[in-house]
Structures are given as structure tokens and as C-alpha cells.
Protein backbone atom coordinates (compact mmCIF):
# COMPACT_ATOMS: atom_id res chain seq x y z
CA MET A 1 58.90 -37.54 35.98
CA THR A 2 55.41 -37.94 34.59
CA GLU A 3 54.12 -41.19 33.26
CA PRO A 4 53.39 -41.41 29.61
CA GLY A 5 49.77 -40.99 28.76
CA PRO A 6 47.70 -42.96 26.32
CA ALA A 7 48.77 -40.79 23.45
CA ALA A 8 52.48 -41.33 24.20
CA THR A 9 51.88 -45.05 24.43
CA ALA A 10 50.20 -45.05 21.09
CA ARG A 11 53.05 -43.02 19.61
CA SER A 12 55.74 -45.36 20.98
CA ALA A 13 53.88 -48.32 19.51
CA GLY A 14 54.17 -46.74 16.09
CA THR A 15 50.48 -46.01 15.72
CA SER A 16 48.81 -42.70 15.15
CA PRO A 17 47.25 -41.06 18.22
CA GLN A 18 43.46 -41.14 18.19
CA VAL A 19 41.82 -37.89 19.13
CA THR A 20 38.12 -38.08 19.72
CA ARG A 21 37.50 -34.33 19.79
CA PRO A 22 38.96 -32.35 16.87
CA ALA A 23 40.47 -28.94 17.52
CA GLU A 24 39.31 -25.87 15.67
CA GLY A 25 41.46 -23.96 13.19
CA ILE A 26 44.03 -26.75 12.62
CA SER A 27 45.08 -27.66 9.10
CA GLY A 28 48.05 -29.14 7.27
CA PRO A 29 49.69 -32.58 7.40
CA VAL A 30 49.84 -32.72 11.19
CA GLY A 31 46.20 -31.88 11.61
CA ASP A 32 45.18 -34.30 8.86
CA ARG A 33 47.16 -37.11 10.42
CA LEU A 34 45.78 -36.51 13.89
CA HIS A 35 42.24 -35.93 12.69
CA HIS A 36 42.55 -32.15 13.08
CA GLY A 37 43.75 -32.52 16.70
CA GLU A 38 47.22 -31.86 18.20
CA LEU A 39 48.57 -33.33 21.42
CA VAL A 40 50.68 -31.23 23.76
CA ARG A 41 52.02 -31.73 27.22
CA GLY A 42 51.55 -29.01 29.76
CA SER A 43 53.29 -28.40 33.07
CA GLY A 44 50.29 -26.44 34.27
CA PRO A 45 47.17 -24.62 33.07
CA GLY A 46 48.09 -22.56 30.02
CA HIS A 47 51.78 -23.64 29.91
CA VAL A 48 53.27 -25.84 27.22
CA ALA A 49 55.97 -28.16 28.51
CA GLY A 50 56.35 -30.40 25.49
CA THR A 51 54.67 -31.55 22.34
CA HIS A 52 54.90 -34.17 19.70
CA GLY A 53 57.83 -33.40 17.39
CA ARG A 54 55.78 -32.53 14.35
CA VAL A 55 53.34 -30.58 16.48
CA GLN A 56 56.22 -28.58 17.99
CA ARG A 57 57.37 -27.43 14.56
CA ASP A 58 53.84 -26.56 13.55
CA LEU A 59 53.30 -24.66 16.80
CA HIS A 60 56.28 -22.37 16.23
CA SER A 61 55.58 -21.88 12.54
CA ARG A 62 52.02 -20.72 13.16
CA HIS A 63 52.97 -17.96 15.65
CA PHE A 64 50.28 -18.69 18.19
CA ARG A 65 49.39 -15.67 20.25
CA HIS A 66 47.96 -17.82 23.05
CA VAL A 67 46.61 -21.32 23.43
CA THR A 68 43.95 -22.92 25.55
CA PHE A 69 43.74 -26.47 26.86
CA HIS A 70 40.74 -28.66 27.40
CA ASP A 71 39.75 -32.32 27.65
CA ARG A 72 42.50 -33.87 29.74
CA VAL A 73 43.68 -37.08 28.10
CA GLY A 74 45.74 -38.65 30.85
CA PRO A 75 48.07 -38.14 33.78
CA GLY A 76 50.80 -36.85 31.50
CA HIS A 77 48.83 -33.64 31.00
CA PHE A 78 48.33 -34.37 27.30
CA ARG A 79 45.61 -32.03 26.15
CA VAL A 80 44.03 -30.99 22.88
CA LEU A 81 45.50 -27.76 21.60
CA ARG A 82 43.03 -25.19 20.31
CA ARG A 83 44.37 -22.20 18.46
CA THR A 84 42.61 -19.02 19.47
CA GLY A 85 45.24 -16.56 18.35
CA THR A 86 45.82 -15.17 14.89
CA VAL A 87 48.77 -15.09 12.62
CA PRO A 88 50.31 -11.61 12.31
CA GLY A 89 50.25 -11.78 8.53
CA LYS A 90 46.64 -12.77 8.54
CA MET A 91 45.84 -9.98 11.02
CA VAL A 92 47.35 -7.44 8.65
CA GLY A 93 45.38 -8.92 5.76
CA LYS A 94 42.17 -8.82 7.76
CA VAL A 95 42.69 -5.17 8.75
CA GLY A 96 43.46 -4.31 5.14
CA HIS A 97 40.31 -6.08 3.97
CA GLN A 98 38.19 -4.22 6.52
CA LEU A 99 39.75 -0.92 5.51
CA TRP A 100 39.11 -1.64 1.83
CA SER A 101 35.48 -2.59 2.55
CA ALA A 102 34.96 0.65 4.48
CA VAL A 103 36.44 2.71 1.64
CA THR A 104 34.32 0.88 -0.94
CA THR A 105 31.13 1.40 1.08
CA ALA A 106 31.83 5.10 1.61
CA THR A 107 32.59 5.55 -2.09
CA GLY A 108 29.35 3.79 -3.07
CA ARG A 109 27.28 5.94 -0.76
CA GLN A 110 28.87 9.11 -2.08
CA ARG A 111 28.30 8.01 -5.67
CA ALA A 112 24.65 7.23 -4.90
CA ARG A 113 24.21 10.61 -3.25
CA ILE A 114 25.74 12.42 -6.21
CA THR A 115 23.60 10.39 -8.60
CA SER A 116 20.39 11.09 -6.69
CA GLN A 117 21.09 14.81 -6.39
CA LEU A 118 22.87 15.74 -9.58
CA LEU A 119 22.17 13.00 -12.10
CA THR A 120 18.47 12.31 -11.62
CA ARG A 121 16.29 11.74 -14.63
CA ASN A 122 14.42 14.99 -13.99
CA ARG A 123 17.65 17.02 -13.98
CA ARG A 124 19.00 15.26 -17.06
CA VAL A 125 15.80 16.08 -18.91
CA ALA A 126 15.90 19.66 -17.59
CA ALA A 127 19.49 20.05 -18.77
CA GLY A 128 18.58 18.69 -22.19
CA LEU A 129 15.62 21.05 -22.58
CA ALA A 130 17.75 23.97 -21.39
CA LEU A 131 20.39 23.22 -24.01
CA LEU A 132 17.67 22.91 -26.64
CA THR A 133 16.25 26.29 -25.62
CA VAL A 134 19.66 27.95 -25.81
CA ALA A 135 20.31 26.34 -29.19
CA ILE A 136 16.98 27.62 -30.53
CA GLY A 137 17.63 31.12 -29.17
CA VAL A 138 21.15 31.32 -30.58
CA GLY A 139 20.07 29.78 -33.87
CA ALA A 140 17.25 32.30 -34.21
CA LEU A 141 19.80 35.11 -33.82
CA LYS A 142 22.18 33.66 -36.40
CA THR A 143 19.62 32.78 -39.06
CA THR A 144 16.58 34.33 -40.63
CA ALA A 145 13.06 33.76 -39.35
CA GLU A 146 12.34 31.61 -42.42
CA TYR A 147 14.68 28.90 -41.13
CA LEU A 148 14.34 29.21 -37.35
CA SER A 149 11.93 31.36 -35.39
CA PRO A 150 12.05 32.07 -31.62
CA GLY A 151 8.53 30.67 -31.50
CA VAL A 152 10.04 27.17 -31.75
CA MET A 153 10.83 27.56 -28.04
CA ILE A 154 7.20 26.55 -27.49
CA LEU A 155 8.32 22.95 -28.01
CA PRO A 156 10.71 22.69 -25.00
CA VAL A 157 8.18 24.58 -22.87
CA LEU A 158 5.45 22.12 -23.74
CA ALA A 159 7.78 19.14 -23.26
CA GLY A 160 8.77 20.54 -19.88
CA GLY A 161 5.14 20.55 -18.78
CA LEU A 162 4.99 16.82 -19.47
CA LEU A 163 8.41 15.74 -18.22
CA LEU A 164 9.61 18.14 -15.51
CA TRP A 165 8.68 18.86 -11.94
CA PRO A 166 7.29 22.39 -11.34
CA ARG A 167 10.50 23.80 -9.86
CA ALA A 168 12.68 22.68 -12.78
CA LEU A 169 9.99 23.83 -15.20
CA ARG A 170 10.00 27.36 -13.81
CA ILE A 171 13.77 27.53 -14.14
CA LEU A 172 13.26 26.59 -17.79
CA PHE A 173 10.70 29.40 -18.08
CA GLY A 174 13.33 31.83 -16.80
CA LEU A 175 15.80 30.65 -19.41
CA VAL A 176 13.19 31.04 -22.15
CA ALA A 177 12.50 34.59 -20.95
CA VAL A 178 16.21 35.39 -21.07
CA MET A 179 16.52 34.09 -24.63
CA LEU A 180 13.43 36.06 -25.69
CA ALA A 181 14.89 39.21 -24.13
CA ILE A 182 18.18 38.69 -25.98
CA ASP A 183 16.31 38.14 -29.23
CA TRP A 184 14.27 41.28 -28.63
CA LEU A 185 17.40 43.34 -27.98
CA TYR A 186 19.44 42.07 -30.91
CA GLY A 187 17.32 40.27 -33.42
CA LYS A 188 13.81 41.54 -32.80
CA LYS A 189 12.32 38.47 -34.49
CA ALA A 190 9.99 37.56 -31.65
CA GLY A 191 6.87 39.61 -32.19
CA LEU A 192 4.08 40.07 -29.67
CA SER A 193 2.12 37.19 -31.16
CA ILE A 194 5.03 34.78 -30.65
CA VAL A 195 5.60 35.99 -27.09
CA ALA A 196 1.88 35.64 -26.32
CA ALA A 197 1.85 32.08 -27.69
CA ILE A 198 4.89 31.14 -25.59
CA VAL A 199 3.35 32.67 -22.44
CA ALA A 200 0.06 30.83 -22.98
CA THR A 201 1.92 27.56 -23.51
CA ALA A 202 3.96 28.20 -20.35
CA VAL A 203 0.81 28.75 -18.29
CA PHE A 204 -0.71 25.54 -19.61
CA SER A 205 2.51 23.61 -18.99
CA ASP A 206 2.74 24.92 -15.43
CA VAL A 207 -0.82 23.82 -14.65
CA LEU A 208 -0.10 20.41 -16.18
CA ALA A 209 3.13 19.98 -14.21
CA ARG A 210 1.50 20.94 -10.89
CA TYR A 211 -1.35 18.51 -11.53
CA ARG A 212 1.04 15.67 -12.29
CA ALA A 213 3.19 16.58 -9.29
CA LYS A 214 0.18 15.94 -7.04
CA LEU A 215 0.00 12.43 -8.45
CA GLY A 216 3.74 11.98 -8.06
CA LEU A 217 4.00 10.95 -11.71
CA GLN A 218 5.63 12.77 -14.57
CA GLY A 219 5.53 12.20 -18.28
CA LEU A 220 3.10 9.64 -19.60
CA ARG A 221 3.36 7.28 -16.63
CA GLY A 222 0.18 8.67 -15.09
CA ASP A 223 -1.72 8.06 -18.31
CA ARG A 224 -0.36 4.54 -18.53
CA MET A 225 -1.49 3.88 -14.98
CA LEU A 226 -5.02 5.03 -15.77
CA ILE A 227 -5.08 2.89 -18.90
CA GLU A 228 -4.02 -0.12 -16.85
CA LEU A 229 -6.75 0.55 -14.29
CA ARG A 230 -9.32 0.84 -17.06
CA ASP A 231 -8.21 -2.45 -18.57
CA ARG A 232 -8.37 -4.15 -15.18
CA ILE A 233 -11.93 -2.93 -14.63
CA ARG A 234 -12.97 -4.16 -18.06
CA ALA A 235 -11.35 -7.53 -17.44
CA GLN A 236 -13.09 -7.76 -14.07
CA GLY A 237 -16.43 -7.01 -15.71
CA ARG A 238 -16.20 -9.96 -18.12
CA MET A 239 -18.30 -12.96 -17.28
CA PRO A 240 -16.36 -16.09 -16.27
CA GLU A 241 -16.26 -19.25 -18.32
CA LEU A 242 -19.33 -21.39 -17.65
CA PRO A 243 -19.75 -25.14 -18.09
CA ASP A 244 -21.50 -26.68 -21.07
CA GLY A 245 -25.14 -25.78 -21.35
CA TRP A 246 -24.70 -22.26 -19.95
CA ARG A 247 -23.85 -18.98 -21.64
CA ALA A 248 -23.38 -15.46 -20.32
CA ILE A 249 -22.54 -11.99 -21.61
CA SER A 250 -21.97 -8.61 -19.97
CA VAL A 251 -21.82 -5.08 -21.38
CA LEU A 252 -20.47 -2.06 -19.47
CA ARG A 253 -20.76 1.37 -21.09
CA PRO A 254 -19.83 4.55 -19.16
CA ALA A 255 -21.62 7.80 -19.90
CA GLY A 256 -20.31 10.20 -22.51
CA GLY A 257 -17.82 7.75 -23.97
CA SER A 258 -15.62 7.93 -20.86
CA SER A 259 -13.34 5.06 -19.93
CA PHE A 260 -14.52 5.10 -16.30
CA GLY A 261 -17.99 4.81 -14.89
CA GLY A 262 -19.91 4.12 -11.71
CA ASP A 263 -21.37 0.77 -12.81
CA PHE A 264 -19.31 -2.37 -12.37
CA LEU A 265 -19.71 -6.12 -12.23
CA VAL A 266 -17.84 -8.70 -10.17
CA SER A 267 -18.25 -12.44 -10.56
CA SER A 268 -16.73 -15.79 -9.71
CA CYS A 269 -17.43 -19.35 -10.79
CA ASP A 270 -16.05 -22.65 -9.52
CA GLY A 271 -17.73 -24.74 -12.20
CA LYS A 272 -20.76 -25.58 -10.05
CA VAL A 273 -21.93 -22.22 -8.64
CA LEU A 274 -21.91 -18.80 -10.27
CA ASP A 275 -21.67 -15.78 -7.95
CA LEU A 276 -22.37 -12.42 -9.55
CA ALA A 277 -22.91 -8.89 -8.25
CA LEU A 278 -23.98 -5.92 -10.39
CA VAL A 279 -23.33 -2.62 -8.60
CA ASP A 280 -24.33 0.96 -9.39
CA VAL A 281 -22.52 3.82 -7.62
CA ALA A 282 -24.34 7.15 -7.40
CA GLY A 283 -23.19 9.57 -10.07
CA LYS A 284 -21.78 8.95 -13.50
CA GLY A 285 -18.64 9.19 -15.54
CA ILE A 286 -15.30 9.95 -13.96
CA GLU A 287 -16.91 11.40 -10.82
CA ALA A 288 -18.38 8.02 -9.93
CA GLY A 289 -15.55 6.07 -11.51
CA THR A 290 -13.05 6.83 -8.74
CA ARG A 291 -15.37 5.41 -6.09
CA ALA A 292 -16.26 2.46 -8.28
CA LEU A 293 -12.54 1.64 -8.50
CA LEU A 294 -12.36 1.36 -4.72
CA LEU A 295 -15.58 -0.59 -4.28
CA SER A 296 -14.97 -3.05 -7.10
CA GLY A 297 -11.93 -4.43 -5.34
CA ALA A 298 -13.69 -4.65 -1.97
CA PHE A 299 -16.92 -6.16 -3.29
CA GLY A 300 -14.99 -8.57 -5.48
CA GLY A 301 -13.02 -9.74 -2.45
CA LEU A 302 -16.20 -10.34 -0.45
CA LEU A 303 -17.70 -12.40 -3.27
CA GLY A 304 -17.28 -16.03 -2.34
CA SER A 305 -15.72 -15.14 1.03
CA VAL A 306 -19.00 -14.86 2.92
CA PRO A 307 -22.18 -16.98 2.76
CA HIS A 308 -24.38 -16.18 -0.23
CA THR A 309 -27.23 -14.98 1.97
CA GLU A 310 -24.95 -12.53 3.81
CA TYR A 311 -23.15 -10.96 0.86
CA LEU A 312 -25.12 -7.73 0.66
CA GLN A 313 -25.01 -7.37 4.46
CA ALA A 314 -21.22 -7.64 4.30
CA CYS A 315 -21.08 -4.98 1.56
CA ASN A 316 -23.31 -2.72 3.63
CA ALA A 317 -21.09 -3.20 6.70
CA TYR A 318 -18.03 -2.29 4.62
CA LEU A 319 -19.64 0.96 3.49
CA GLN A 320 -20.69 1.74 7.05
CA ARG A 321 -17.11 1.41 8.28
CA GLY A 322 -15.97 3.88 5.65
CA GLY A 323 -17.49 6.87 7.47
CA PRO A 324 -20.22 9.21 6.21
CA PRO A 325 -21.67 7.97 2.90
CA GLU A 326 -20.52 9.79 -0.23
CA GLY A 327 -23.65 8.70 -2.07
CA PHE A 328 -25.88 5.68 -2.18
CA VAL A 329 -24.92 2.40 -3.79
CA THR A 330 -27.35 -0.11 -5.25
CA ALA A 331 -26.52 -3.73 -5.95
CA LEU A 332 -28.02 -6.95 -7.22
CA HIS A 333 -26.50 -10.26 -6.09
CA LEU A 334 -27.11 -13.54 -7.90
CA THR A 335 -26.13 -17.03 -6.79
CA LEU A 336 -26.84 -19.63 -9.50
CA ASP A 337 -26.47 -23.39 -9.13
CA LEU A 338 -25.14 -24.51 -12.51
CA VAL A 339 -26.10 -28.12 -11.87
CA THR A 340 -29.78 -27.74 -10.97
CA GLY A 341 -30.47 -24.25 -12.37
CA ASP A 342 -31.77 -22.98 -9.01
CA TYR A 343 -30.87 -19.42 -8.12
CA LEU A 344 -31.07 -16.96 -5.24
CA ILE A 345 -31.25 -13.28 -6.08
CA SER A 346 -31.00 -10.43 -3.56
CA SER A 347 -31.46 -6.72 -4.14
CA ALA A 348 -30.30 -3.56 -2.38
CA GLY A 349 -32.30 -0.72 -3.91
CA HIS A 350 -31.55 -2.01 -7.42
CA PRO A 351 -33.96 -2.26 -10.37
CA PRO A 352 -35.50 -5.76 -10.46
CA ALA A 353 -33.94 -8.48 -12.55
CA ALA A 354 -35.99 -10.00 -15.37
CA GLN A 355 -36.37 -13.71 -16.15
CA PHE A 356 -37.29 -15.04 -19.56
CA GLU A 357 -39.41 -18.18 -19.35
CA SER A 358 -39.17 -20.25 -22.49
CA GLY A 359 -42.41 -22.06 -21.64
CA THR A 360 -44.50 -18.88 -21.89
CA GLY A 361 -42.19 -16.89 -24.16
CA ARG A 362 -42.39 -13.84 -21.87
CA TRP A 363 -40.21 -11.83 -19.52
CA ARG A 364 -41.23 -11.42 -15.91
CA LEU A 365 -39.73 -9.21 -13.19
CA THR A 366 -38.33 -10.80 -10.06
CA SER A 367 -39.66 -9.68 -6.70
CA ALA A 368 -36.36 -9.28 -4.79
CA ARG A 369 -36.33 -5.94 -2.95
CA GLY A 370 -34.13 -4.19 -0.41
CA VAL A 371 -32.70 -0.93 0.95
CA VAL A 372 -29.76 0.76 -0.76
CA LEU A 373 -26.30 0.05 0.62
CA GLY A 374 -24.50 2.33 3.06
CA VAL A 375 -27.55 4.16 4.41
CA VAL A 376 -28.72 2.12 7.43
CA PRO A 377 -26.60 -0.09 9.71
CA GLU A 378 -28.92 -3.09 9.42
CA LEU A 379 -29.71 -3.96 5.81
CA ARG A 380 -33.26 -5.14 5.17
CA SER A 381 -33.89 -7.12 2.01
CA THR A 382 -36.29 -9.72 0.63
CA PRO A 383 -34.55 -12.21 -1.67
CA GLU A 384 -36.22 -14.41 -4.25
CA ARG A 385 -35.55 -18.00 -5.18
CA GLY A 386 -36.21 -19.38 -8.62
CA SER A 387 -35.01 -21.78 -11.25
CA LEU A 388 -33.74 -21.52 -14.82
CA ARG A 389 -34.93 -24.32 -17.07
CA HIS A 390 -33.53 -25.12 -20.49
CA GLY A 391 -34.14 -22.13 -22.75
CA ASP A 392 -34.64 -19.69 -19.84
CA ALA A 393 -32.59 -16.54 -19.29
CA LEU A 394 -31.95 -14.04 -16.51
CA MET A 395 -31.23 -10.36 -17.26
CA LEU A 396 -29.59 -7.96 -14.75
CA TYR A 397 -29.19 -4.26 -15.54
CA THR A 398 -28.59 -0.85 -13.96
CA ASP A 399 -30.91 2.14 -13.89
CA GLY A 400 -28.95 3.86 -16.66
CA LEU A 401 -30.76 1.58 -19.13
CA VAL A 402 -34.27 2.30 -17.93
CA GLU A 403 -34.26 5.71 -16.27
CA GLY A 404 -33.88 9.15 -17.80
CA ARG A 405 -34.97 12.74 -17.47
CA SER A 406 -37.77 12.27 -19.97
CA ARG A 407 -39.15 8.97 -18.61
CA ASP A 408 -39.66 7.28 -15.27
CA ILE A 409 -38.18 3.96 -14.34
CA ASP A 410 -41.36 1.91 -14.87
CA ALA A 411 -41.75 3.14 -18.43
CA GLY A 412 -38.07 2.45 -19.02
CA ILE A 413 -38.40 -1.13 -17.76
CA ASP A 414 -41.34 -1.75 -20.10
CA ARG A 415 -39.30 -0.40 -22.98
CA LEU A 416 -36.34 -2.59 -22.01
CA LEU A 417 -38.45 -5.75 -21.87
CA GLY A 418 -39.96 -4.93 -25.25
CA ALA A 419 -36.50 -4.54 -26.76
CA ALA A 420 -35.34 -7.72 -25.01
CA ASP A 421 -38.01 -9.73 -26.82
CA ARG A 422 -36.02 -9.25 -29.99
CA LEU A 423 -32.96 -10.78 -28.32
CA VAL A 424 -34.73 -14.12 -28.05
CA THR A 425 -34.79 -14.52 -31.83
CA SER A 426 -31.57 -12.71 -32.73
CA GLY A 427 -29.48 -14.22 -29.93
CA PHE A 428 -28.42 -12.80 -26.57
CA ASP A 429 -24.70 -12.81 -27.28
CA THR A 430 -24.94 -10.77 -30.49
CA GLY A 431 -27.88 -8.54 -29.54
CA ALA A 432 -26.83 -7.44 -26.03
CA PRO A 433 -24.43 -4.65 -27.16
CA ASP A 434 -27.05 -3.29 -29.56
CA LEU A 435 -29.65 -3.35 -26.80
CA VAL A 436 -27.42 -1.23 -24.53
CA GLN A 437 -26.70 1.20 -27.36
CA THR A 438 -30.42 1.59 -28.07
CA MET A 439 -31.45 2.07 -24.46
CA GLN A 440 -28.61 4.38 -23.43
CA GLY A 441 -28.60 6.78 -26.36
CA GLY A 442 -25.72 9.10 -27.08
CA GLY A 443 -26.83 12.40 -25.61
CA PRO A 444 -24.95 14.43 -22.99
CA ASN A 445 -27.53 13.43 -20.34
CA SER A 446 -26.95 9.71 -20.78
CA ASP A 447 -26.01 7.66 -17.72
CA ASP A 448 -23.61 4.80 -17.08
CA CYS A 449 -25.13 1.50 -18.22
CA ALA A 450 -24.44 -2.12 -17.41
CA LEU A 451 -26.16 -5.26 -18.60
CA ALA A 452 -25.59 -8.94 -17.76
CA ILE A 453 -27.51 -11.87 -19.26
CA ILE A 454 -27.17 -15.52 -18.25
CA TRP A 455 -29.09 -18.14 -20.20
CA ARG A 456 -29.41 -21.90 -20.33
CA SER A 457 -29.33 -23.54 -23.71
CA HIS A 458 -31.95 -26.04 -24.86
């Protein structure tokens, strides 16, 4: 006969057994009383010889599949019972839950596949345009040409060019051809002029759809994306807010009234130092605008990330890593101390900046020179240091303002400085746009223009 262990002694004394290590998976009044532990007595490893009365009832009611013992309590083989089996009812519930989850997942995948293949936006639009085409064709047969003509089928054809992918659009073309053939056989309302107009519209729509398919955008989303890019470039070209005593203005005007051009400006200001780069990409209009989009992000990221004296070298290294040059790039980099007025200006094949000196009342050209970007691995440039006193101004510009087919760059710079004299009296902020308009002109041979003026108030 085994001796009672500590737990039995505690039980005979009328006190609750103390279990220092709670068992897992135990709940109910017995587990709560015994701190989520249950005492059993075993005759050997894995065999239950006896339990506490309340534990015995709980053991049978829970339908343990098997039990494990650990942490021997005393010589009476009292051990902590840990339930590792499962209740049959719960097992059935768990299997049912897993089966339901599998069915739900399979149903969701099938629904998504059907939606992606049969209920896509493109196919819904195609179905709508097809129904509209059939309605127009049938209506043209049932009514007179005064109320509904087969030529109205131009509308779904044109809408298809904007909204459909090329494959769906050509199916729509086939349906239009069928309706025209039916009209020709029975109604004969579609004359040769109407058929020719529909064919011309179909050709135009097909070209438009194939072009948009290359972009991966249908409808007006491609146009919205270009508008957003244009707005971002314009926002990037605005001068930052400067502290009291300083003013700045910038004007960017692409050639031919286009929204995109090869001239761009990037700048940053922390309240003490102004960093500014004016860049001119070879070419003009949309041709140069695509490259300017790429470079504006890269050059803007380099601004403030590298030492001021190494900015143009970093830009040149970036262009060198891009492979064979697609055309030269000129740039002018300005670092201006807004506390002292001292500046450092560096050039890479760019027209020289001009400084207005309020003491003399004249403009003078800076002497910063350098090689254009992207041509040679090692950039050679000669920067210039100067200072802006109260009333002085600094003007940066691109060659589109001073160069043209009918004049060389030196004559254009003289003309620009003469026109800039009038800005001193009229005001830089109000006269800068007019100066660009005067210098650029509006002819077909005009170039992209950019102008930036920074001045220090009296």
C-alpha cells in the first residue's frame, strides 16, 4: 500500500491541493479550484490507478483519448494530468470547420476566376457597346433615316477605340460590319459615304487602341497620368519659400505651347542655404520632355545629397552609368548662403549666369565654365564665388532665351541683358514672365525656355 503523498495529506486536512505547475487544456470547477491542475495517482507510467473524486468524474466526462504524466509530486505517484487527447464531439466539429473552410476557399477562387475572365471591365464595356450597335442597327431598319441612321454606329466604334483592348475592338468591328450588311440587304439606308465614314473611324480607333495597349492603359487614364506628370514637373520647378529679405521667381515655358519640355529646374532650401540647378536637355518639346522627366527625378535626388562642389560631377557620373549618351545635357548649379549672401556657381556647358549689382546699376556675366554633362568621364569645370548684397540679383536662364536660328548666343545674351534692365524698375516678380515671352517668341522654331531670378531686397 502506497503512502499518501503531499497532495493527499493536504486533501485529508480539508485544504485545497496546491499545484505549482498548471496543466494545459483544463477548465471547469475542478480546474479552477486546483489552479488548472488535476492530481491523479498512477500505478505506472501512463496508467491511472486512482484520482481525486471530482477529478475522476471530470476525467470520464471529458473522454480523454490518452493522458501523459509529468512532474512527480511524491511517493504516491501523484502526478499532474495533462490532456493531450480530443473530445470526439470537438473532433467532428473541427473536421466540419476545416471542410467548410476548404469549400469556402474553393468557391472564392472559382468566383474570382469567373470574375476575372468573364466579368472584367473591358468585357462589360464590350458587351455594352455590342448591344448599342445591335440596337442602332435594328432601329435603323425599323425607322426612317430621319430618326435613326446607320451612320450613328460611328459612336460605339469611336468609344471602343478609347475604352476597349484591340482584340475586343476588332470583334466590335465585325459586329458593325454584320449590321451594315444586314442594313444593305434589307434597308439600304447606309450609303457609300456612311460606310466610308465608319471605316475611317474604325481605322482611327484601331490605331488609338493599339497605341494605348502599348501603355497598358485604356480610356482616359493615360491622359490623366500625363496630366499628373506635367503638374508634378511644374510643382518641382517652383522656387522654394525663402526667408525674409530674399525673393525668387522661376518661369518654365516649353516650345510650341507643349506641356512638356527639355528644360527643368530643381531646388531645395533649408532656411539657411538655397541649392538650385537649372538643366537643359538636348532637343525640345515632347522629344526632350521624356528624358527630362527621368533626369529631373535623379538630379533632384542628388541635390543636397552630395557636397555642393561635387554636385555636377555626381550628375555627370549618373549620365555615364546610363550607357551611350542620347544627347548632351547642360546645367548650372547655384549654392547660395541666405545668411551672408555668398554664393558658389558651377557650370557644365551652360550659358553664363548674370548678376545685377545695385551699386553700379548694371548686369555682369559670371565666369563659371565647364564641359557639358555625359560626354567625358571626368568633368572639368571652373566655378565662381561671389556675393549678393542688398538690392543685387542673380539671373539663370537656358539657351532657348538667347539662341536662335537668326542670331548667335552672344547677341542673344546682349539682348537679354538689355531687356532685363527694365525688370529693375518694373519688378522681377511681375516682369519675368513678360521677359520670357519677349525673348522666346511664338514661332514654330522657338525653343524650350527657362528663367530663374533670385534677388535680395534693400
